[in-house]
Amino acid sequence: MMLVRAAAAVIAVMLPTGLLFGAPTIARGEPAATSSIHPAATPGHPRCDPAKFRIVVDVGHTAKVPGAKSARGAHEYDFNLRLAKIAEHDLIAGGFPRTVLMITAEPPYRGLIKRVLRARKLGADLLLSIHHDSVPNSMLETWTFEGEEHHFSDRFRGHSIFISNFNARRSDSLAFARLLGLQMKARGLHYTPHYTLPVMGHRRRQLVDAEAGVYRYDQLVVLKDSRIPAVLLEAGSIINRDEELLVATPEHQAKISAAIVDAAKAYCAETVPRAPAVVRRPARRSRAGSAIHRPWWPFGRK
């Protein structure tokens, strides 16, 4: 009986955190619902003010740890930085003057933690992390460009959008992710379906919104440990030889940036301001019964 009562007490402590079994999932292909946390504004609850709404645009990776290499040997970080700067400029010009471009110098894991903590310190209302995609090594082929050997894969192309079910504001993250995906779709941009394929192995992801191209990636630090809505955008596949050239063009970058701005406007119009969520992680106990706090340490990385 004592064991039963003890187990019940542990469950009662853990359930409110949403960390015992994780947040509810959406079946693959099932249309995603809009946010239920922020109801539509009413006379007593004003909509968010874009002039006060802070968006942090996170530049994925660092200059020293630059992420994936493109089909022609360019670093992902350079693609990320260029697009993020354009998005920052357009968001400010589009009515979000408190937008911040976040560049991090420290490598993982410290750098990943710093991104999350800095976004919180800035009082961010939304975190958007900008990346460009590659494929697992098993899919790579070799070609020669300008006298040097490089790896490429032309099998897949397109963008992808990720959220984490472990984010404290999961519903809001999904709401913005869906709006972003629909805005990109409206501009003739298509998401890649290859994350659903068995060939992706442990990188295979659940597609939670088949219309907007939103996937689950629960363990990414910038997504799961943020206490604000957080979304990661893989803006295109730079390991694909044709798409590498496409995503580097000003015209294509302008399309993606415009989609980000319009998604932010729609998201802000549909939400009510709210303070950042407080996440309380459950404590485990030693044999002596004293509480041992679980270390806050990222197990996912990008």
Foldseek 3Di string as FASTA:
>chain_A
DVVVVVVVVQCVVAVVLCPPVFFDAAAFADAADAFPVFAAADPVFDFFALQPAEEEEEQPFAPVGQDDAFQQGDGFSVLSVVLSVVLQVVLCVLRNVNYHYDHFHDGPPVRLVVVQVVCVVSQHQEYEYETADEADPVQWDWDDDPRDIGIAHQPWKFKAKEAASLALRRNLLVNLLQLLLVLLVVVVGDHTPCLCDCVRPPSRWGQNHPSRRYTYDHQASNHNVHLHRYMYMNGMHRRNPVVVVVSPDPVSSVSSSVSSNVSVVVSSNRGGDDGGDDRDHDFDADPVGDTDRDDPGGPDHD
